[in-house]
């Protein structure tokens, strides 16, 4: 005799034991659903293409660069030509080659600083938000103290004793940048620790470490991923600003920031020297921000999208 399954539909194949067969729904393809939500944000897709192009340019710099970026010549401040597609700078170096190699420095600083700050900021924010009490008081005090340290004066002081290279820039930005992520994660964990599933896990004896690692941290991953993405843009802007002011990457190593600094002397004579690196900085940061917005929308199940 046909029996009904748990969904209320007839199941003629049920066994003689009288136990209804359960018709399971198809598994949710989270990756496909994420891509559909991300693809709906057209600006995010444009930003993704920009990021792929800039990343490819950085990785393939030795192949794409038409000249040695440090090769000097007597053809100084030349306009774009067949030999030098974007012209030359005040030392006769090919601008296009220097822009391509500079992308390596800017992306390396941005990605390294972002990953390091998110790791530290997430750890401190998670401890402060999950434990509360004196732990939260002390860690929040540390965050507030670090927030009071200005980036440029710190770079000026440390730059007098240390060589200003990529490691120096990463260290400076790491010291002052992790606090933003820590405050965001702390606020998120304060909210999560009052959720029903966390209270239930605590009630059955789950340790604080298990609550953080198994329950609260996985539910904070969308926020952490977006923080990583937007942190890259912030680090690129900060590195460019420090290099422009003379406290970042030093010539002859090319970076978009020190190329801008070098170009300011020749704004009237060769304005393109400033336009090219400025445009790449703006385009890269805009692309990263578009991707960050798209990730936030795609990873947030509360936001709806249209097919």
C-alpha atoms as a PDB file:
ATOM      1  CA  UNK A   1       0.000   0.000   0.000  1.00  0.00           C
ATOM      2  CA  UNK A   2       1.288   3.416  -0.909  1.00  0.00           C
ATOM      3  CA  UNK A   3       2.413   5.517   2.012  1.00  0.00           C
ATOM      4  CA  UNK A   4       3.036   9.212   2.350  1.00  0.00           C
ATOM      5  CA  UNK A   5       6.496  10.615   2.933  1.00  0.00           C
ATOM      6  CA  UNK A   6       7.333  13.453   5.302  1.00  0.00           C
ATOM      7  CA  UNK A   7       6.570  16.022   2.617  1.00  0.00           C
ATOM      8  CA  UNK A   8       3.003  14.707   2.332  1.00  0.00           C
ATOM      9  CA  UNK A   9       3.399  13.154  -1.121  1.00  0.00           C
ATOM     10  CA  UNK A  10       2.544   9.578  -2.023  1.00  0.00           C
ATOM     11  CA  UNK A  11       5.520   7.231  -2.029  1.00  0.00           C
ATOM     12  CA  UNK A  12       4.466   3.855  -3.436  1.00  0.00           C
ATOM     13  CA  UNK A  13       7.924   2.459  -2.896  1.00  0.00           C
ATOM     14  CA  UNK A  14       7.826   2.638   0.896  1.00  0.00           C
ATOM     15  CA  UNK A  15       8.909  -0.563   2.531  1.00  0.00           C
ATOM     16  CA  UNK A  16       6.834  -3.000   4.507  1.00  0.00           C
ATOM     17  CA  UNK A  17       8.192  -1.618   7.721  1.00  0.00           C
ATOM     18  CA  UNK A  18       5.879   1.346   7.409  1.00  0.00           C
ATOM     19  CA  UNK A  19       8.727   3.801   7.692  1.00  0.00           C
ATOM     20  CA  UNK A  20       8.236   6.588   5.166  1.00  0.00           C
ATOM     21  CA  UNK A  21      11.075   7.406   2.827  1.00  0.00           C
ATOM     22  CA  UNK A  22      12.243  10.973   3.174  1.00  0.00           C
ATOM     23  CA  UNK A  23      12.526  12.937  -0.045  1.00  0.00           C
ATOM     24  CA  UNK A  24      15.509  15.217   0.499  1.00  0.00           C
ATOM     25  CA  UNK A  25      15.688  18.545  -1.319  1.00  0.00           C
ATOM     26  CA  UNK A  26      18.576  19.058  -3.710  1.00  0.00           C
ATOM     27  CA  UNK A  27      21.700  20.487  -2.070  1.00  0.00           C
ATOM     28  CA  UNK A  28      22.078  24.235  -2.185  1.00  0.00           C
ATOM     29  CA  UNK A  29      24.846  25.277  -4.520  1.00  0.00           C
ATOM     30  CA  UNK A  30      26.287  28.122  -2.502  1.00  0.00           C
ATOM     31  CA  UNK A  31      28.978  28.930  -5.027  1.00  0.00           C
ATOM     32  CA  UNK A  32      26.485  29.294  -7.863  1.00  0.00           C
ATOM     33  CA  UNK A  33      24.158  31.361  -5.698  1.00  0.00           C
ATOM     34  CA  UNK A  34      27.039  33.611  -4.636  1.00  0.00           C
ATOM     35  CA  UNK A  35      28.077  34.180  -8.250  1.00  0.00           C
ATOM     36  CA  UNK A  36      24.503  35.018  -9.278  1.00  0.00           C
ATOM     37  CA  UNK A  37      24.256  37.589  -6.507  1.00  0.00           C
ATOM     38  CA  UNK A  38      27.677  39.026  -7.301  1.00  0.00           C
ATOM     39  CA  UNK A  39      27.009  39.124 -11.042  1.00  0.00           C
ATOM     40  CA  UNK A  40      23.810  41.100 -10.486  1.00  0.00           C
ATOM     41  CA  UNK A  41      25.954  44.019  -9.260  1.00  0.00           C
ATOM     42  CA  UNK A  42      27.336  45.268 -12.557  1.00  0.00           C
ATOM     43  CA  UNK A  43      29.754  47.691 -10.928  1.00  0.00           C
ATOM     44  CA  UNK A  44      31.217  44.783  -8.964  1.00  0.00           C
ATOM     45  CA  UNK A  45      31.789  42.855 -12.204  1.00  0.00           C
ATOM     46  CA  UNK A  46      33.496  45.899 -13.722  1.00  0.00           C
ATOM     47  CA  UNK A  47      35.640  46.196 -10.612  1.00  0.00           C
ATOM     48  CA  UNK A  48      36.546  42.522 -10.874  1.00  0.00           C
ATOM     49  CA  UNK A  49      37.738  42.999 -14.461  1.00  0.00           C
ATOM     50  CA  UNK A  50      39.834  45.985 -13.341  1.00  0.00           C
ATOM     51  CA  UNK A  51      41.399  43.965 -10.541  1.00  0.00           C
ATOM     52  CA  UNK A  52      42.150  41.031 -12.838  1.00  0.00           C
ATOM     53  CA  UNK A  53      43.793  43.387 -15.335  1.00  0.00           C
ATOM     54  CA  UNK A  54      45.914  45.164 -12.700  1.00  0.00           C
ATOM     55  CA  UNK A  55      46.927  41.855 -11.095  1.00  0.00           C
ATOM     56  CA  UNK A  56      47.906  40.418 -14.476  1.00  0.00           C
ATOM     57  CA  UNK A  57      49.914  43.560 -15.220  1.00  0.00           C
ATOM     58  CA  UNK A  58      51.804  43.177 -11.945  1.00  0.00           C
ATOM     59  CA  UNK A  59      52.485  39.456 -12.341  1.00  0.00           C
ATOM     60  CA  UNK A  60      53.519  39.722 -15.990  1.00  0.00           C
ATOM     61  CA  UNK A  61      55.568  42.903 -15.590  1.00  0.00           C
ATOM     62  CA  UNK A  62      58.805  41.441 -17.060  1.00  0.00           C
ATOM     63  CA  UNK A  63      56.866  40.356 -20.146  1.00  0.00           C
ATOM     64  CA  UNK A  64      54.667  43.420 -20.601  1.00  0.00           C
ATOM     65  CA  UNK A  65      57.230  46.148 -19.885  1.00  0.00           C
ATOM     66  CA  UNK A  66      58.813  47.284 -23.177  1.00  0.00           C
ATOM     67  CA  UNK A  67      61.956  48.664 -21.476  1.00  0.00           C
ATOM     68  CA  UNK A  68      63.993  48.334 -18.324  1.00  0.00           C
ATOM     69  CA  UNK A  69      62.204  50.596 -15.799  1.00  0.00           C
ATOM     70  CA  UNK A  70      65.536  51.901 -14.450  1.00  0.00           C
ATOM     71  CA  UNK A  71      67.234  52.458 -17.795  1.00  0.00           C
ATOM     72  CA  UNK A  72      68.133  56.144 -18.198  1.00  0.00           C
ATOM     73  CA  UNK A  73      68.725  57.985 -21.467  1.00  0.00           C
ATOM     74  CA  UNK A  74      69.168  61.456 -22.857  1.00  0.00           C
ATOM     75  CA  UNK A  75      65.585  61.497 -24.173  1.00  0.00           C
ATOM     76  CA  UNK A  76      64.163  63.264 -21.128  1.00  0.00           C
ATOM     77  CA  UNK A  77      60.533  64.384 -20.822  1.00  0.00           C
ATOM     78  CA  UNK A  78      59.637  63.051 -24.251  1.00  0.00           C
ATOM     79  CA  UNK A  79      55.951  62.935 -25.277  1.00  0.00           C
ATOM     80  CA  UNK A  80      54.332  59.608 -26.206  1.00  0.00           C
ATOM     81  CA  UNK A  81      55.902  58.053 -29.283  1.00  0.00           C
ATOM     82  CA  UNK A  82      56.245  54.713 -31.023  1.00  0.00           C
ATOM     83  CA  UNK A  83      59.336  53.866 -28.958  1.00  0.00           C
ATOM     84  CA  UNK A  84      57.958  55.153 -25.640  1.00  0.00           C
ATOM     85  CA  UNK A  85      54.183  54.748 -25.694  1.00  0.00           C
ATOM     86  CA  UNK A  86      53.609  56.968 -22.641  1.00  0.00           C
ATOM     87  CA  UNK A  87      56.737  59.091 -23.005  1.00  0.00           C
ATOM     88  CA  UNK A  88      59.757  59.394 -20.721  1.00  0.00           C
ATOM     89  CA  UNK A  89      60.400  61.063 -17.356  1.00  0.00           C
ATOM     90  CA  UNK A  90      63.049  63.568 -16.277  1.00  0.00           C
ATOM     91  CA  UNK A  91      65.739  60.859 -16.358  1.00  0.00           C
ATOM     92  CA  UNK A  92      64.749  59.488 -19.758  1.00  0.00           C
ATOM     93  CA  UNK A  93      63.176  56.351 -18.272  1.00  0.00           C
ATOM     94  CA  UNK A  94      60.207  54.766 -19.997  1.00  0.00           C
ATOM     95  CA  UNK A  95      57.031  55.813 -18.163  1.00  0.00           C
ATOM     96  CA  UNK A  96      54.978  52.802 -19.243  1.00  0.00           C
ATOM     97  CA  UNK A  97      57.573  50.350 -17.949  1.00  0.00           C
ATOM     98  CA  UNK A  98      57.800  52.158 -14.635  1.00  0.00           C
ATOM     99  CA  UNK A  99      54.015  52.190 -14.267  1.00  0.00           C
ATOM    100  CA  UNK A 100      53.860  48.451 -14.899  1.00  0.00           C
ATOM    101  CA  UNK A 101      56.578  47.665 -12.362  1.00  0.00           C
ATOM    102  CA  UNK A 102      55.112  50.143  -9.880  1.00  0.00           C
ATOM    103  CA  UNK A 103      51.908  48.108  -9.839  1.00  0.00           C
ATOM    104  CA  UNK A 104      53.892  45.286  -8.259  1.00  0.00           C
ATOM    105  CA  UNK A 105      54.931  47.480  -5.341  1.00  0.00           C
ATOM    106  CA  UNK A 106      51.506  48.999  -4.783  1.00  0.00           C
ATOM    107  CA  UNK A 107      49.648  45.668  -4.925  1.00  0.00           C
ATOM    108  CA  UNK A 108      52.245  43.902  -2.774  1.00  0.00           C
ATOM    109  CA  UNK A 109      51.962  46.570  -0.089  1.00  0.00           C
ATOM    110  CA  UNK A 110      48.161  46.627  -0.324  1.00  0.00           C
ATOM    111  CA  UNK A 111      47.640  42.870  -0.093  1.00  0.00           C
ATOM    112  CA  UNK A 112      50.272  42.299   2.610  1.00  0.00           C
ATOM    113  CA  UNK A 113      49.048  45.116   4.833  1.00  0.00           C
ATOM    114  CA  UNK A 114      45.411  44.130   4.378  1.00  0.00           C
ATOM    115  CA  UNK A 115      45.948  40.460   5.260  1.00  0.00           C
ATOM    116  CA  UNK A 116      48.152  41.268   8.262  1.00  0.00           C
ATOM    117  CA  UNK A 117      45.828  43.918   9.675  1.00  0.00           C
ATOM    118  CA  UNK A 118      42.726  41.766   9.214  1.00  0.00           C
ATOM    119  CA  UNK A 119      44.366  38.819  10.986  1.00  0.00           C
ATOM    120  CA  UNK A 120      45.433  40.903  13.982  1.00  0.00           C
ATOM    121  CA  UNK A 121      42.299  43.033  14.012  1.00  0.00           C
ATOM    122  CA  UNK A 122      40.055  39.974  13.851  1.00  0.00           C
ATOM    123  CA  UNK A 123      41.907  38.261  16.710  1.00  0.00           C
ATOM    124  CA  UNK A 124      41.779  41.289  19.006  1.00  0.00           C
ATOM    125  CA  UNK A 125      38.233  42.242  18.046  1.00  0.00           C
ATOM    126  CA  UNK A 126      37.020  38.665  18.536  1.00  0.00           C
ATOM    127  CA  UNK A 127      38.554  38.392  22.000  1.00  0.00           C
ATOM    128  CA  UNK A 128      37.179  41.766  23.072  1.00  0.00           C
ATOM    129  CA  UNK A 129      33.691  41.116  21.752  1.00  0.00           C
ATOM    130  CA  UNK A 130      33.384  37.484  22.854  1.00  0.00           C
ATOM    131  CA  UNK A 131      34.747  37.755  26.389  1.00  0.00           C
ATOM    132  CA  UNK A 132      33.579  41.234  27.343  1.00  0.00           C
ATOM    133  CA  UNK A 133      34.296  42.483  30.858  1.00  0.00           C
ATOM    134  CA  UNK A 134      37.870  43.448  31.686  1.00  0.00           C
ATOM    135  CA  UNK A 135      39.160  41.783  28.534  1.00  0.00           C
ATOM    136  CA  UNK A 136      37.005  44.088  26.447  1.00  0.00           C
ATOM    137  CA  UNK A 137      38.004  47.092  28.549  1.00  0.00           C
ATOM    138  CA  UNK A 138      41.741  46.519  28.157  1.00  0.00           C
ATOM    139  CA  UNK A 139      41.632  45.616  24.477  1.00  0.00           C
ATOM    140  CA  UNK A 140      39.299  48.509  23.654  1.00  0.00           C
ATOM    141  CA  UNK A 141      41.699  50.806  25.493  1.00  0.00           C
ATOM    142  CA  UNK A 142      44.567  49.472  23.373  1.00  0.00           C
ATOM    143  CA  UNK A 143      42.528  50.079  20.222  1.00  0.00           C
ATOM    144  CA  UNK A 144      41.772  53.664  21.256  1.00  0.00           C
ATOM    145  CA  UNK A 145      45.437  54.331  22.032  1.00  0.00           C
ATOM    146  CA  UNK A 146      46.535  53.023  18.638  1.00  0.00           C
ATOM    147  CA  UNK A 147      43.846  55.104  16.928  1.00  0.00           C
ATOM    148  CA  UNK A 148      45.433  58.226  18.379  1.00  0.00           C
ATOM    149  CA  UNK A 149      48.759  57.612  16.574  1.00  0.00           C
ATOM    150  CA  UNK A 150      48.938  59.633  13.321  1.00  0.00           C
ATOM    151  CA  UNK A 151      50.443  57.833  10.342  1.00  0.00           C
ATOM    152  CA  UNK A 152      52.576  60.570   8.782  1.00  0.00           C
ATOM    153  CA  UNK A 153      54.324  61.805  11.984  1.00  0.00           C
ATOM    154  CA  UNK A 154      55.038  58.169  12.893  1.00  0.00           C
ATOM    155  CA  UNK A 155      56.575  57.603   9.467  1.00  0.00           C
ATOM    156  CA  UNK A 156      58.656  60.780   9.858  1.00  0.00           C
ATOM    157  CA  UNK A 157      60.043  59.692  13.224  1.00  0.00           C
ATOM    158  CA  UNK A 158      60.778  56.092  12.300  1.00  0.00           C
ATOM    159  CA  UNK A 159      62.065  57.105   8.883  1.00  0.00           C
ATOM    160  CA  UNK A 160      64.927  58.956  10.551  1.00  0.00           C
ATOM    161  CA  UNK A 161      66.257  55.646  11.930  1.00  0.00           C
ATOM    162  CA  UNK A 162      65.098  53.040   9.408  1.00  0.00           C
ATOM    163  CA  UNK A 163      65.541  52.602   5.676  1.00  0.00           C
ATOM    164  CA  UNK A 164      62.374  53.594   3.825  1.00  0.00           C
ATOM    165  CA  UNK A 165      61.583  50.524   1.730  1.00  0.00           C
ATOM    166  CA  UNK A 166      58.673  48.145   1.222  1.00  0.00           C
ATOM    167  CA  UNK A 167      59.143  46.486   4.635  1.00  0.00           C
ATOM    168  CA  UNK A 168      59.177  49.903   6.312  1.00  0.00           C
ATOM    169  CA  UNK A 169      55.912  50.932   4.619  1.00  0.00           C
ATOM    170  CA  UNK A 170      54.219  47.625   5.450  1.00  0.00           C
ATOM    171  CA  UNK A 171      55.280  47.962   9.094  1.00  0.00           C
ATOM    172  CA  UNK A 172      54.055  51.556   9.414  1.00  0.00           C
ATOM    173  CA  UNK A 173      50.687  50.824   7.843  1.00  0.00           C
ATOM    174  CA  UNK A 174      50.293  47.623   9.847  1.00  0.00           C
ATOM    175  CA  UNK A 175      50.834  49.474  13.127  1.00  0.00           C
ATOM    176  CA  UNK A 176      48.111  52.036  12.466  1.00  0.00           C
ATOM    177  CA  UNK A 177      45.620  50.096  10.305  1.00  0.00           C
ATOM    178  CA  UNK A 178      44.534  47.042  12.280  1.00  0.00           C
ATOM    179  CA  UNK A 179      42.381  49.077  14.664  1.00  0.00           C
ATOM    180  CA  UNK A 180      39.591  49.660  12.131  1.00  0.00           C
ATOM    181  CA  UNK A 181      39.081  45.930  11.603  1.00  0.00           C
ATOM    182  CA  UNK A 182      39.292  45.275  15.343  1.00  0.00           C
ATOM    183  CA  UNK A 183      36.470  47.710  16.084  1.00  0.00           C
ATOM    184  CA  UNK A 184      34.242  46.241  13.376  1.00  0.00           C
ATOM    185  CA  UNK A 185      34.811  42.631  14.487  1.00  0.00           C
ATOM    186  CA  UNK A 186      34.366  43.551  18.151  1.00  0.00           C
ATOM    187  CA  UNK A 187      30.953  45.068  17.424  1.00  0.00           C
ATOM    188  CA  UNK A 188      29.979  42.007  15.376  1.00  0.00           C
ATOM    189  CA  UNK A 189      31.008  39.574  18.118  1.00  0.00           C
ATOM    190  CA  UNK A 190      29.099  41.544  20.757  1.00  0.00           C
ATOM    191  CA  UNK A 191      26.002  41.015  18.631  1.00  0.00           C
ATOM    192  CA  UNK A 192      26.720  37.355  17.884  1.00  0.00           C
ATOM    193  CA  UNK A 193      27.324  36.324  21.496  1.00  0.00           C
ATOM    194  CA  UNK A 194      23.662  37.071  22.259  1.00  0.00           C
ATOM    195  CA  UNK A 195      22.297  34.999  19.382  1.00  0.00           C
ATOM    196  CA  UNK A 196      20.195  31.954  20.235  1.00  0.00           C
ATOM    197  CA  UNK A 197      22.552  29.378  18.731  1.00  0.00           C
ATOM    198  CA  UNK A 198      25.488  30.785  20.721  1.00  0.00           C
ATOM    199  CA  UNK A 199      23.462  30.832  23.944  1.00  0.00           C
ATOM    200  CA  UNK A 200      22.333  27.258  23.278  1.00  0.00           C
ATOM    201  CA  UNK A 201      25.895  26.087  22.673  1.00  0.00           C
ATOM    202  CA  UNK A 202      27.018  27.791  25.859  1.00  0.00           C
ATOM    203  CA  UNK A 203      24.170  26.189  27.781  1.00  0.00           C
ATOM    204  CA  UNK A 204      25.261  22.663  26.812  1.00  0.00           C
ATOM    205  CA  UNK A 205      28.805  23.353  28.004  1.00  0.00           C
ATOM    206  CA  UNK A 206      30.694  24.567  24.935  1.00  0.00           C
ATOM    207  CA  UNK A 207      33.948  26.294  25.831  1.00  0.00           C
ATOM    208  CA  UNK A 208      34.593  29.922  24.964  1.00  0.00           C
ATOM    209  CA  UNK A 209      37.219  28.914  22.413  1.00  0.00           C
ATOM    210  CA  UNK A 210      34.730  26.600  20.691  1.00  0.00           C
ATOM    211  CA  UNK A 211      32.078  29.308  20.682  1.00  0.00           C
ATOM    212  CA  UNK A 212      34.494  31.690  18.977  1.00  0.00           C
ATOM    213  CA  UNK A 213      35.982  29.265  16.457  1.00  0.00           C
ATOM    214  CA  UNK A 214      32.924  27.148  15.605  1.00  0.00           C
ATOM    215  CA  UNK A 215      30.013  29.544  15.941  1.00  0.00           C
ATOM    216  CA  UNK A 216      30.908  33.235  15.968  1.00  0.00           C
ATOM    217  CA  UNK A 217      33.930  33.371  13.666  1.00  0.00           C
ATOM    218  CA  UNK A 218      32.309  31.472  10.737  1.00  0.00           C
ATOM    219  CA  UNK A 219      29.306  33.787  10.923  1.00  0.00           C
ATOM    220  CA  UNK A 220      31.654  36.787  10.742  1.00  0.00           C
ATOM    221  CA  UNK A 221      33.467  35.590   7.616  1.00  0.00           C
ATOM    222  CA  UNK A 222      31.471  37.751   5.162  1.00  0.00           C
ATOM    223  CA  UNK A 223      32.457  40.827   7.146  1.00  0.00           C
ATOM    224  CA  UNK A 224      36.081  39.691   7.336  1.00  0.00           C
ATOM    225  CA  UNK A 225      36.262  39.022   3.593  1.00  0.00           C
ATOM    226  CA  UNK A 226      34.902  42.468   2.789  1.00  0.00           C
ATOM    227  CA  UNK A 227      37.371  44.004   5.264  1.00  0.00           C
ATOM    228  CA  UNK A 228      40.259  42.297   3.459  1.00  0.00           C
ATOM    229  CA  UNK A 229      39.093  43.630   0.106  1.00  0.00           C
ATOM    230  CA  UNK A 230      38.562  47.204   1.231  1.00  0.00           C
ATOM    231  CA  UNK A 231      41.775  47.097   3.255  1.00  0.00           C
ATOM    232  CA  UNK A 232      43.768  46.615   0.043  1.00  0.00           C
ATOM    233  CA  UNK A 233      42.351  49.857  -1.356  1.00  0.00           C
ATOM    234  CA  UNK A 234      43.085  51.760   1.852  1.00  0.00           C
ATOM    235  CA  UNK A 235      46.660  50.464   1.977  1.00  0.00           C
ATOM    236  CA  UNK A 236      47.317  51.413  -1.659  1.00  0.00           C
ATOM    237  CA  UNK A 237      46.071  54.943  -0.997  1.00  0.00           C
ATOM    238  CA  UNK A 238      48.138  55.215   2.194  1.00  0.00           C
ATOM    239  CA  UNK A 239      51.302  53.948   0.480  1.00  0.00           C
ATOM    240  CA  UNK A 240      50.794  56.382  -2.396  1.00  0.00           C
ATOM    241  CA  UNK A 241      50.306  59.272   0.021  1.00  0.00           C
ATOM    242  CA  UNK A 242      53.438  58.418   2.037  1.00  0.00           C
ATOM    243  CA  UNK A 243      55.518  57.933  -1.109  1.00  0.00           C
ATOM    244  CA  UNK A 244      54.226  61.219  -2.514  1.00  0.00           C
ATOM    245  CA  UNK A 245      55.321  63.002   0.664  1.00  0.00           C
ATOM    246  CA  UNK A 246      58.746  61.366   0.544  1.00  0.00           C
ATOM    247  CA  UNK A 247      58.273  58.937   3.444  1.00  0.00           C
ATOM    248  CA  UNK A 248      57.401  55.870   1.409  1.00  0.00           C
ATOM    249  CA  UNK A 249      59.081  53.881  -1.357  1.00  0.00           C
ATOM    250  CA  UNK A 250      62.240  55.683  -2.433  1.00  0.00           C
ATOM    251  CA  UNK A 251      63.503  56.048  -6.025  1.00  0.00           C
ATOM    252  CA  UNK A 252      64.740  54.399  -8.146  1.00  0.00           C
ATOM    253  CA  UNK A 253      62.236  51.727  -7.066  1.00  0.00           C
ATOM    254  CA  UNK A 254      59.065  52.787  -8.871  1.00  0.00           C
ATOM    255  CA  UNK A 255      55.748  53.173  -7.095  1.00  0.00           C
ATOM    256  CA  UNK A 256      52.727  55.136  -8.174  1.00  0.00           C
ATOM    257  CA  UNK A 257      53.160  57.463  -5.217  1.00  0.00           C
ATOM    258  CA  UNK A 258      56.796  58.437  -5.823  1.00  0.00           C
ATOM    259  CA  UNK A 259      56.076  58.790  -9.544  1.00  0.00           C
ATOM    260  CA  UNK A 260      53.482  61.391  -8.591  1.00  0.00           C
ATOM    261  CA  UNK A 261      55.998  63.104  -6.333  1.00  0.00           C
ATOM    262  CA  UNK A 262      58.564  63.243  -9.119  1.00  0.00           C
ATOM    263  CA  UNK A 263      55.984  64.542 -11.617  1.00  0.00           C
ATOM    264  CA  UNK A 264      54.917  67.557  -9.555  1.00  0.00           C
ATOM    265  CA  UNK A 265      58.047  69.460 -10.611  1.00  0.00           C
ATOM    266  CA  UNK A 266      57.089  69.147 -14.276  1.00  0.00           C
ATOM    267  CA  UNK A 267      53.329  69.706 -14.165  1.00  0.00           C
ATOM    268  CA  UNK A 268      53.455  72.533 -16.695  1.00  0.00           C
ATOM    269  CA  UNK A 269      56.088  71.001 -18.940  1.00  0.00           C
ATOM    270  CA  UNK A 270      54.888  67.383 -18.899  1.00  0.00           C
ATOM    271  CA  UNK A 271      51.493  67.021 -17.165  1.00  0.00           C
ATOM    272  CA  UNK A 272      51.099  63.443 -18.382  1.00  0.00           C
ATOM    273  CA  UNK A 273      53.750  62.334 -15.893  1.00  0.00           C
ATOM    274  CA  UNK A 274      51.246  63.022 -13.123  1.00  0.00           C
ATOM    275  CA  UNK A 275      48.131  61.915 -14.982  1.00  0.00           C
ATOM    276  CA  UNK A 276      49.242  58.324 -15.659  1.00  0.00           C
ATOM    277  CA  UNK A 277      50.059  57.214 -12.073  1.00  0.00           C
ATOM    278  CA  UNK A 278      47.155  59.222 -10.659  1.00  0.00           C
ATOM    279  CA  UNK A 279      44.752  57.541 -13.061  1.00  0.00           C
ATOM    280  CA  UNK A 280      46.045  54.067 -12.166  1.00  0.00           C
ATOM    281  CA  UNK A 281      45.725  54.758  -8.433  1.00  0.00           C
ATOM    282  CA  UNK A 282      42.163  56.011  -8.868  1.00  0.00           C
ATOM    283  CA  UNK A 283      41.164  53.179 -11.219  1.00  0.00           C
ATOM    284  CA  UNK A 284      42.602  50.473  -8.981  1.00  0.00           C
ATOM    285  CA  UNK A 285      41.031  51.831  -5.792  1.00  0.00           C
ATOM    286  CA  UNK A 286      37.654  52.295  -7.481  1.00  0.00           C
ATOM    287  CA  UNK A 287      37.798  48.742  -8.836  1.00  0.00           C
ATOM    288  CA  UNK A 288      38.615  47.311  -5.401  1.00  0.00           C
ATOM    289  CA  UNK A 289      35.803  49.288  -3.773  1.00  0.00           C
ATOM    290  CA  UNK A 290      33.343  48.039  -6.410  1.00  0.00           C
ATOM    291  CA  UNK A 291      34.417  44.455  -5.713  1.00  0.00           C
ATOM    292  CA  UNK A 292      34.084  45.037  -1.967  1.00  0.00           C
ATOM    293  CA  UNK A 293      30.539  46.334  -2.370  1.00  0.00           C
ATOM    294  CA  UNK A 294      29.680  43.359  -4.570  1.00  0.00           C
ATOM    295  CA  UNK A 295      31.096  40.895  -2.047  1.00  0.00           C
ATOM    296  CA  UNK A 296      29.149  42.511   0.763  1.00  0.00           C
ATOM    297  CA  UNK A 297      25.894  42.204  -1.178  1.00  0.00           C
ATOM    298  CA  UNK A 298      26.598  38.662  -2.386  1.00  0.00           C
ATOM    299  CA  UNK A 299      27.635  37.350   1.031  1.00  0.00           C
ATOM    300  CA  UNK A 300      24.741  38.924   2.946  1.00  0.00           C
ATOM    301  CA  UNK A 301      21.747  36.551   2.753  1.00  0.00           C
ATOM    302  CA  UNK A 302      19.443  39.307   3.993  1.00  0.00           C
ATOM    303  CA  UNK A 303      19.883  41.265   0.745  1.00  0.00           C
ATOM    304  CA  UNK A 304      17.709  40.229  -2.160  1.00  0.00           C
ATOM    305  CA  UNK A 305      18.667  40.318  -5.783  1.00  0.00           C
ATOM    306  CA  UNK A 306      16.806  40.057  -9.054  1.00  0.00           C
ATOM    307  CA  UNK A 307      17.403  37.306 -11.542  1.00  0.00           C
END
